[in-house]
Structures are given as structure tokens and as C-alpha cells.
Amino acid sequence: MTFPLPYPPFHPLRFPLFFPLMTKLTDDEVRHIAKLARLRLTDEEVRTFAPELTSILTYIEKLKEVDTKDVEPTAQITGMHNRFREDVVRTDNPTTEEMLSTSPLPIIDQQIVTPSAHGER
């Protein structure tokens, strides 16, 4: 991703008065964050994301300074209210076999077998 300015949006060097510079994330820290998010990053992506993640964390630190003690918690801002309806039991639902037949993955004992997130065991 390229930006028209020398730094990405909200980068601390674009707004030095608003963002005190925090310690830059190291490449190892970026790789650790990527691992937690189950992302594979190239060395170039690590170098790209280090300052971007640093600027995000710097911005979050700045937001922590905002006084919110007199602000009511807000779940949503649209003004909409819950709309309740009567529960209706449907009998035209697909069968278990019909639902399982839509999966391209193997089925054993009426369960879809998915690849392990932790590698082969």
C-alpha cells in the first residue's frame, strides 16, 4: 500500500505535536503480533507494519488521556430500539444430511472434519 505523503495516515511523524513518540515496535514484536493473529508476514511486510502498528498504539495511548468520567456508556448511537417478534417454530428446516452435504470437507459421524489450527498431530 502506498501513501501520497511520506508517512501513512496517523503516523506519529506526520503529527509530532499530537503524538508523543513511543518506542518503535521491533521486528520480533511485529512477528509475534502476526503470529497471534495467525498471519504470515514477509520481511518487507514486517518492516512496513512496524511503524504503522507503532502509530496505532501511540494513538491508542493518546486516547487513554481523554476524560470520559462524565460520559454515559453507549451501546449504539442510531437511536434504534430492540424490535421483538413472536417466536415461531418452523418445520420446513433442511435435514442434517442436507446441511452436511453442502460441505466440501469430509464428514465423520455427522461432523465436519476441519483441518487443525495447530498443525498435524
N, C-alpha and C. Protein backbone atom coordinates (compact mmCIF):
# COMPACT_ATOMS: atom_id res chain seq x y z
N MET A 1 0.85 -1.17 0.00
CA MET A 1 0.00 0.00 0.00
C MET A 1 0.89 1.23 0.00
N THR A 2 0.62 2.15 -0.86
CA THR A 2 1.41 3.37 -0.92
C THR A 2 0.55 4.55 -0.50
N PHE A 3 1.21 5.56 0.04
CA PHE A 3 0.52 6.75 0.50
C PHE A 3 1.11 7.96 -0.23
N PRO A 4 0.29 8.96 -0.54
CA PRO A 4 0.79 10.11 -1.28
C PRO A 4 1.79 10.94 -0.46
N LEU A 5 1.70 10.86 0.85
CA LEU A 5 2.62 11.60 1.70
C LEU A 5 3.74 10.65 2.16
N PRO A 6 4.81 11.20 2.73
CA PRO A 6 5.91 10.33 3.11
C PRO A 6 5.56 9.35 4.23
N TYR A 7 4.48 9.61 4.98
CA TYR A 7 4.11 8.72 6.06
C TYR A 7 2.65 8.33 5.93
N PRO A 8 2.27 7.13 6.43
CA PRO A 8 0.87 6.72 6.36
C PRO A 8 -0.01 7.61 7.25
N PRO A 9 -1.34 7.56 7.05
CA PRO A 9 -2.23 8.36 7.88
C PRO A 9 -2.02 8.05 9.36
N PHE A 10 -2.09 9.07 10.19
CA PHE A 10 -1.95 8.96 11.64
C PHE A 10 -0.57 8.50 12.08
N HIS A 11 0.39 8.59 11.21
CA HIS A 11 1.75 8.24 11.60
C HIS A 11 2.27 9.33 12.54
N PRO A 12 2.98 8.97 13.63
CA PRO A 12 3.43 9.97 14.60
C PRO A 12 4.29 11.06 13.98
N LEU A 13 5.03 10.76 12.93
CA LEU A 13 5.90 11.77 12.34
C LEU A 13 5.12 12.79 11.50
N ARG A 14 3.88 12.46 11.14
CA ARG A 14 3.03 13.44 10.44
C ARG A 14 2.41 14.41 11.42
N PHE A 15 2.21 13.99 12.67
CA PHE A 15 1.58 14.81 13.69
C PHE A 15 2.41 14.79 14.97
N PRO A 16 3.64 15.30 14.93
CA PRO A 16 4.52 15.16 16.10
C PRO A 16 3.99 15.87 17.34
N LEU A 17 3.18 16.92 17.20
CA LEU A 17 2.68 17.62 18.38
C LEU A 17 1.57 16.84 19.08
N PHE A 18 0.85 16.03 18.32
CA PHE A 18 -0.27 15.30 18.89
C PHE A 18 0.13 13.93 19.41
N PHE A 19 1.17 13.36 18.87
CA PHE A 19 1.56 12.01 19.24
C PHE A 19 2.97 12.01 19.80
N PRO A 20 3.12 11.85 21.12
CA PRO A 20 4.49 11.69 21.61
C PRO A 20 5.02 10.36 21.09
N LEU A 21 6.23 10.35 20.62
CA LEU A 21 6.78 9.14 20.02
C LEU A 21 7.00 8.07 21.08
N MET A 22 6.37 6.95 20.88
CA MET A 22 6.61 5.83 21.77
C MET A 22 7.71 4.98 21.16
N THR A 23 8.22 4.06 21.92
CA THR A 23 9.25 3.18 21.41
C THR A 23 8.71 2.42 20.21
N LYS A 24 9.47 2.40 19.14
CA LYS A 24 9.05 1.71 17.92
C LYS A 24 9.02 0.21 18.17
N LEU A 25 7.98 -0.44 17.69
CA LEU A 25 7.92 -1.90 17.80
C LEU A 25 9.07 -2.52 17.03
N THR A 26 9.66 -3.53 17.62
CA THR A 26 10.74 -4.23 16.94
C THR A 26 10.16 -5.21 15.93
N ASP A 27 11.01 -5.68 15.03
CA ASP A 27 10.55 -6.67 14.05
C ASP A 27 10.04 -7.92 14.76
N ASP A 28 10.72 -8.33 15.84
CA ASP A 28 10.29 -9.52 16.58
C ASP A 28 8.92 -9.32 17.20
N GLU A 29 8.64 -8.12 17.70
CA GLU A 29 7.32 -7.84 18.28
C GLU A 29 6.24 -7.88 17.21
N VAL A 30 6.55 -7.34 16.03
CA VAL A 30 5.59 -7.38 14.93
C VAL A 30 5.33 -8.82 14.51
N ARG A 31 6.39 -9.62 14.44
CA ARG A 31 6.22 -11.04 14.09
C ARG A 31 5.38 -11.76 15.14
N HIS A 32 5.59 -11.42 16.42
CA HIS A 32 4.81 -12.05 17.50
C HIS A 32 3.33 -11.68 17.37
N ILE A 33 3.05 -10.40 17.12
CA ILE A 33 1.66 -9.97 16.93
C ILE A 33 1.06 -10.69 15.72
N ALA A 34 1.82 -10.81 14.65
CA ALA A 34 1.34 -11.50 13.46
C ALA A 34 1.05 -12.97 13.77
N LYS A 35 1.92 -13.59 14.57
CA LYS A 35 1.72 -15.00 14.93
C LYS A 35 0.44 -15.15 15.75
N LEU A 36 0.20 -14.23 16.69
CA LEU A 36 -1.03 -14.28 17.49
C LEU A 36 -2.26 -14.14 16.61
N ALA A 37 -2.14 -13.36 15.53
CA ALA A 37 -3.25 -13.16 14.60
C ALA A 37 -3.25 -14.22 13.50
N ARG A 38 -2.33 -15.16 13.61
CA ARG A 38 -2.18 -16.24 12.62
C ARG A 38 -1.97 -15.69 11.21
N LEU A 39 -1.09 -14.70 11.12
CA LEU A 39 -0.73 -14.10 9.84
C LEU A 39 0.71 -14.45 9.51
N ARG A 40 0.96 -14.70 8.27
CA ARG A 40 2.33 -14.91 7.81
C ARG A 40 2.77 -13.64 7.09
N LEU A 41 3.83 -13.01 7.61
CA LEU A 41 4.32 -11.77 7.02
C LEU A 41 5.71 -11.99 6.43
N THR A 42 5.94 -11.35 5.31
CA THR A 42 7.28 -11.35 4.74
C THR A 42 8.12 -10.33 5.51
N ASP A 43 9.44 -10.37 5.32
CA ASP A 43 10.31 -9.40 5.99
C ASP A 43 9.96 -7.97 5.57
N GLU A 44 9.59 -7.79 4.32
CA GLU A 44 9.20 -6.46 3.84
C GLU A 44 7.92 -5.98 4.54
N GLU A 45 6.95 -6.90 4.71
CA GLU A 45 5.71 -6.53 5.39
C GLU A 45 5.98 -6.20 6.86
N VAL A 46 6.89 -6.93 7.49
CA VAL A 46 7.24 -6.64 8.88
C VAL A 46 7.80 -5.23 8.98
N ARG A 47 8.70 -4.87 8.07
CA ARG A 47 9.28 -3.53 8.08
C ARG A 47 8.21 -2.47 7.80
N THR A 48 7.22 -2.80 6.97
CA THR A 48 6.15 -1.86 6.65
C THR A 48 5.21 -1.67 7.84
N PHE A 49 4.85 -2.79 8.49
CA PHE A 49 3.86 -2.73 9.56
C PHE A 49 4.41 -2.24 10.89
N ALA A 50 5.71 -2.33 11.10
CA ALA A 50 6.27 -1.89 12.38
C ALA A 50 5.92 -0.43 12.68
N PRO A 51 6.20 0.52 11.77
CA PRO A 51 5.83 1.91 12.09
C PRO A 51 4.31 2.13 12.11
N GLU A 52 3.57 1.38 11.29
CA GLU A 52 2.12 1.55 11.27
C GLU A 52 1.50 1.07 12.58
N LEU A 53 1.94 -0.10 13.06
CA LEU A 53 1.42 -0.59 14.34
C LEU A 53 1.85 0.31 15.49
N THR A 54 3.06 0.83 15.41
CA THR A 54 3.54 1.75 16.42
C THR A 54 2.65 2.99 16.46
N SER A 55 2.29 3.52 15.29
CA SER A 55 1.44 4.71 15.26
C SER A 55 0.05 4.41 15.80
N ILE A 56 -0.47 3.22 15.55
CA ILE A 56 -1.78 2.85 16.08
C ILE A 56 -1.73 2.79 17.60
N LEU A 57 -0.69 2.14 18.13
CA LEU A 57 -0.55 2.05 19.59
C LEU A 57 -0.32 3.41 20.22
N THR A 58 0.40 4.28 19.53
CA THR A 58 0.61 5.64 20.02
C THR A 58 -0.72 6.39 20.08
N TYR A 59 -1.54 6.21 19.06
CA TYR A 59 -2.85 6.86 19.03
C TYR A 59 -3.74 6.34 20.16
N ILE A 60 -3.69 5.04 20.41
CA ILE A 60 -4.48 4.46 21.50
C ILE A 60 -4.03 5.04 22.83
N GLU A 61 -2.72 5.19 23.01
CA GLU A 61 -2.22 5.80 24.24
C GLU A 61 -2.75 7.22 24.39
N LYS A 62 -2.81 7.95 23.29
CA LYS A 62 -3.33 9.32 23.32
C LYS A 62 -4.81 9.31 23.70
N LEU A 63 -5.57 8.35 23.19
CA LEU A 63 -7.00 8.26 23.52
C LEU A 63 -7.22 7.96 25.00
N LYS A 64 -6.28 7.28 25.63
CA LYS A 64 -6.41 6.98 27.06
C LYS A 64 -6.39 8.24 27.91
N GLU A 65 -5.90 9.33 27.37
CA GLU A 65 -5.82 10.59 28.12
C GLU A 65 -7.15 11.33 28.14
N VAL A 66 -8.10 10.94 27.31
CA VAL A 66 -9.39 11.63 27.22
C VAL A 66 -10.20 11.36 28.49
N ASP A 67 -10.71 12.42 29.10
CA ASP A 67 -11.52 12.30 30.30
C ASP A 67 -12.94 11.88 29.92
N THR A 68 -13.31 10.67 30.30
CA THR A 68 -14.64 10.15 29.96
C THR A 68 -15.48 9.87 31.20
N LYS A 69 -15.09 10.42 32.35
CA LYS A 69 -15.81 10.07 33.59
C LYS A 69 -17.26 10.55 33.58
N ASP A 70 -17.58 11.63 32.88
CA ASP A 70 -18.95 12.13 32.83
C ASP A 70 -19.70 11.71 31.56
N VAL A 71 -19.15 10.77 30.83
CA VAL A 71 -19.77 10.31 29.59
C VAL A 71 -20.48 8.99 29.87
N GLU A 72 -21.77 8.95 29.52
CA GLU A 72 -22.53 7.72 29.74
C GLU A 72 -22.08 6.65 28.74
N PRO A 73 -22.01 5.39 29.19
CA PRO A 73 -21.69 4.31 28.25
C PRO A 73 -22.75 4.24 27.15
N THR A 74 -22.33 3.98 25.95
CA THR A 74 -23.23 3.93 24.81
C THR A 74 -23.06 2.60 24.09
N ALA A 75 -24.15 1.88 23.94
CA ALA A 75 -24.10 0.61 23.22
C ALA A 75 -24.19 0.84 21.72
N GLN A 76 -24.95 1.85 21.33
CA GLN A 76 -25.08 2.19 19.92
C GLN A 76 -25.60 3.61 19.83
N ILE A 77 -25.43 4.23 18.68
CA ILE A 77 -25.76 5.65 18.56
C ILE A 77 -26.87 5.94 17.56
N THR A 78 -27.50 4.91 17.03
CA THR A 78 -28.50 5.14 15.98
C THR A 78 -29.87 5.52 16.53
N GLY A 79 -30.11 5.27 17.83
CA GLY A 79 -31.42 5.55 18.39
C GLY A 79 -32.42 4.44 18.17
N MET A 80 -32.01 3.37 17.52
CA MET A 80 -32.91 2.24 17.29
C MET A 80 -33.14 1.49 18.59
N HIS A 81 -34.27 0.85 18.69
CA HIS A 81 -34.61 0.06 19.86
C HIS A 81 -34.81 -1.38 19.41
N ASN A 82 -34.72 -2.29 20.38
CA ASN A 82 -34.96 -3.70 20.06
C ASN A 82 -36.38 -3.88 19.53
N ARG A 83 -36.49 -4.67 18.51
CA ARG A 83 -37.80 -5.00 17.95
C ARG A 83 -37.99 -6.49 18.19
N PHE A 84 -38.93 -6.80 19.06
CA PHE A 84 -39.17 -8.20 19.38
C PHE A 84 -40.28 -8.74 18.51
N ARG A 85 -40.19 -10.01 18.24
CA ARG A 85 -41.23 -10.67 17.47
C ARG A 85 -41.59 -11.96 18.17
N GLU A 86 -42.70 -12.50 17.82
CA GLU A 86 -43.16 -13.76 18.39
C GLU A 86 -42.28 -14.90 17.86
N ASP A 87 -41.86 -15.80 18.76
CA ASP A 87 -41.12 -16.98 18.32
C ASP A 87 -42.06 -17.91 17.57
N VAL A 88 -41.60 -18.36 16.41
CA VAL A 88 -42.40 -19.26 15.60
C VAL A 88 -41.57 -20.50 15.32
N VAL A 89 -42.13 -21.66 15.60
CA VAL A 89 -41.44 -22.92 15.33
C VAL A 89 -41.63 -23.25 13.86
N ARG A 90 -40.49 -23.44 13.16
CA ARG A 90 -40.55 -23.78 11.74
C ARG A 90 -40.35 -25.28 11.58
N THR A 91 -41.07 -25.85 10.68
CA THR A 91 -40.94 -27.29 10.43
C THR A 91 -40.34 -27.58 9.06
N ASP A 92 -40.08 -26.54 8.28
CA ASP A 92 -39.56 -26.74 6.92
C ASP A 92 -38.04 -26.59 6.86
N ASN A 93 -37.36 -26.85 7.97
CA ASN A 93 -35.90 -26.72 8.01
C ASN A 93 -35.24 -27.85 7.23
N PRO A 94 -34.04 -27.60 6.69
CA PRO A 94 -33.33 -28.68 6.00
C PRO A 94 -32.91 -29.77 6.98
N THR A 95 -32.77 -30.97 6.48
CA THR A 95 -32.35 -32.09 7.33
C THR A 95 -30.85 -31.99 7.60
N THR A 96 -30.41 -32.73 8.59
CA THR A 96 -28.97 -32.76 8.91
C THR A 96 -28.17 -33.20 7.69
N GLU A 97 -28.65 -34.21 7.00
CA GLU A 97 -27.94 -34.71 5.82
C GLU A 97 -27.85 -33.65 4.73
N GLU A 98 -28.91 -32.90 4.53
CA GLU A 98 -28.90 -31.84 3.52
C GLU A 98 -27.88 -30.76 3.89
N MET A 99 -27.85 -30.41 5.14
CA MET A 99 -26.89 -29.39 5.59
C MET A 99 -25.45 -29.88 5.44
N LEU A 100 -25.18 -31.11 5.88
CA LEU A 100 -23.82 -31.64 5.80
C LEU A 100 -23.38 -31.85 4.36
N SER A 101 -24.31 -32.10 3.48
CA SER A 101 -23.94 -32.34 2.08
C SER A 101 -23.40 -31.09 1.39
N THR A 102 -23.58 -29.92 1.99
CA THR A 102 -23.07 -28.69 1.39
C THR A 102 -21.58 -28.48 1.68
N SER A 103 -21.02 -29.26 2.59
CA SER A 103 -19.61 -29.08 2.96
C SER A 103 -18.69 -29.83 2.01
N PRO A 104 -17.61 -29.17 1.55
CA PRO A 104 -16.63 -29.86 0.72
C PRO A 104 -15.66 -30.70 1.58
N LEU A 105 -15.71 -30.52 2.90
CA LEU A 105 -14.82 -31.24 3.80
C LEU A 105 -15.40 -32.60 4.14
N PRO A 106 -14.55 -33.54 4.59
CA PRO A 106 -15.05 -34.87 4.93
C PRO A 106 -16.00 -34.83 6.14
N ILE A 107 -16.93 -35.79 6.16
CA ILE A 107 -17.91 -35.89 7.23
C ILE A 107 -17.73 -37.24 7.90
N ILE A 108 -17.58 -37.21 9.22
CA ILE A 108 -17.48 -38.45 10.01
C ILE A 108 -18.45 -38.33 11.17
N ASP A 109 -19.31 -39.32 11.33
CA ASP A 109 -20.31 -39.33 12.42
C ASP A 109 -21.09 -38.02 12.48
N GLN A 110 -21.56 -37.56 11.35
CA GLN A 110 -22.36 -36.35 11.22
C GLN A 110 -21.62 -35.11 11.76
N GLN A 111 -20.29 -35.09 11.62
CA GLN A 111 -19.49 -33.93 11.99
C GLN A 111 -18.53 -33.61 10.86
N ILE A 112 -18.37 -32.34 10.57
CA ILE A 112 -17.46 -31.91 9.52
C ILE A 112 -16.05 -31.92 10.09
N VAL A 113 -15.15 -32.62 9.42
CA VAL A 113 -13.76 -32.72 9.87
C VAL A 113 -12.99 -31.55 9.27
N THR A 114 -12.51 -30.66 10.13
CA THR A 114 -11.78 -29.48 9.68
C THR A 114 -10.29 -29.64 9.95
N PRO A 115 -9.45 -28.96 9.19
CA PRO A 115 -8.01 -29.04 9.44
C PRO A 115 -7.69 -28.43 10.81
N SER A 116 -6.71 -28.98 11.46
CA SER A 116 -6.31 -28.47 12.77
C SER A 116 -5.66 -27.10 12.63
N ALA A 117 -5.99 -26.20 13.53
CA ALA A 117 -5.36 -24.89 13.55
C ALA A 117 -3.96 -24.97 14.13
N HIS A 118 -3.64 -26.10 14.73
CA HIS A 118 -2.34 -26.27 15.39
C HIS A 118 -1.41 -27.20 14.60
N GLY A 119 -1.74 -27.49 13.38
CA GLY A 119 -0.91 -28.37 12.56
C GLY A 119 -1.32 -29.83 12.76
N GLU A 120 -0.69 -30.68 12.00
CA GLU A 120 -0.99 -32.11 12.09
C GLU A 120 -0.55 -32.67 13.42
N ARG A 121 -1.34 -33.58 13.97
CA ARG A 121 -0.99 -34.23 15.23
C ARG A 121 -1.10 -35.71 15.07
